[in-house]
Structures are given as C-alpha cells and as structure tokens.
Amino acid sequence: MKSQKHNQGELKELKVQIEKDVAEAVELMAKNSGLAPADLVVIALKRFRSSHLDYLRATPPTE
C-alpha cells in the first residue's frame, strides 16, 4: 500500500469536523505508517465508497 500512489490528479479541499479521537488516530497512523494524513483519509474514503456504491446511486437498489 505504501508504494501505491494516492491523492493524484486535481485536488479539492474538503473541510469536515470529525471526532477528536478519530483525528488523533489518523495522526498516529500517519506517523507510524509514513503515509501522509491526507493519503490515509483518501484510502479510507475510497474503500468506503467502493463498499457503498448505493450512496452514489451507482447500483440498483436492493430490497
């Protein structure tokens, strides 16, 4: 994962308020992994997006 390129192409800033413990965990994970906090967030959001395509209305609804 460290060798993969994340957060490429045109970038857009997104400001969000998140729980303090989540922000601190991202900072610690960045320090321990050597990845930038922005890269960790992008990785997590891309994984969430791929698991929840229904939020994008990209898949047929399930019943």
Protein backbone atom coordinates (compact mmCIF):
# COMPACT_ATOMS: atom_id res chain seq x y z
CA MET A 1 0.00 0.00 0.00
CA LYS A 2 2.85 2.41 0.73
CA SER A 3 4.14 2.06 -2.82
CA GLN A 4 0.76 2.92 -4.33
CA LYS A 5 0.10 6.48 -5.41
CA HIS A 6 -2.81 8.13 -3.64
CA ASN A 7 -4.41 11.52 -3.94
CA GLN A 8 -3.32 12.10 -7.53
CA GLY A 9 -4.81 14.37 -10.12
CA GLU A 10 -6.71 17.55 -9.44
CA LEU A 11 -7.22 18.08 -5.72
CA LYS A 12 -10.07 19.82 -3.94
CA GLU A 13 -10.11 20.80 -0.29
CA LEU A 14 -12.87 19.35 1.87
CA LYS A 15 -13.20 20.65 5.41
CA VAL A 16 -15.01 18.39 7.86
CA GLN A 17 -15.48 18.18 11.59
CA ILE A 18 -14.67 14.74 12.98
CA GLU A 19 -14.42 13.28 16.46
CA LYS A 20 -11.20 14.15 18.25
CA ASP A 21 -10.24 10.52 18.83
CA VAL A 22 -10.64 9.75 15.11
CA ALA A 23 -8.43 12.71 14.15
CA GLU A 24 -5.82 11.65 16.70
CA ALA A 25 -5.90 8.08 15.38
CA VAL A 26 -5.30 9.33 11.82
CA GLU A 27 -2.35 11.41 13.04
CA LEU A 28 -0.87 8.40 14.88
CA MET A 29 -1.45 6.10 11.90
CA ALA A 30 0.28 8.64 9.64
CA LYS A 31 3.25 8.83 11.97
CA ASN A 32 3.54 5.04 12.28
CA SER A 33 3.00 4.27 8.60
CA GLY A 34 4.96 7.08 7.00
CA LEU A 35 1.91 7.99 4.90
CA ALA A 36 0.51 11.49 4.87
CA PRO A 37 -2.73 12.01 6.79
CA ALA A 38 -4.42 13.11 3.54
CA ASP A 39 -3.39 9.82 1.89
CA LEU A 40 -4.82 7.80 4.78
CA VAL A 41 -8.10 9.68 4.55
CA VAL A 42 -8.28 9.18 0.77
CA ILE A 43 -7.58 5.45 1.14
CA ALA A 44 -10.30 5.11 3.78
CA LEU A 45 -12.85 7.11 1.79
CA LYS A 46 -12.15 5.20 -1.43
CA ARG A 47 -12.69 1.92 0.42
CA PHE A 48 -15.91 3.24 1.96
CA ARG A 49 -17.09 4.49 -1.43
CA SER A 50 -16.44 1.10 -3.08
CA SER A 51 -18.47 -0.61 -0.36
CA HIS A 52 -21.36 1.85 -0.57
CA LEU A 53 -21.98 2.48 -4.24
CA ASP A 54 -25.66 2.65 -3.36
CA TYR A 55 -24.94 6.06 -1.80
CA LEU A 56 -23.86 7.20 -5.27
CA ARG A 57 -26.91 5.55 -6.81
CA ALA A 58 -24.47 3.61 -8.98
CA THR A 59 -26.10 0.25 -8.31
CA PRO A 60 -29.70 -0.90 -8.48
CA PRO A 61 -31.49 -0.62 -5.13
CA THR A 62 -31.82 -3.81 -3.13
CA GLU A 63 -35.00 -4.87 -1.41
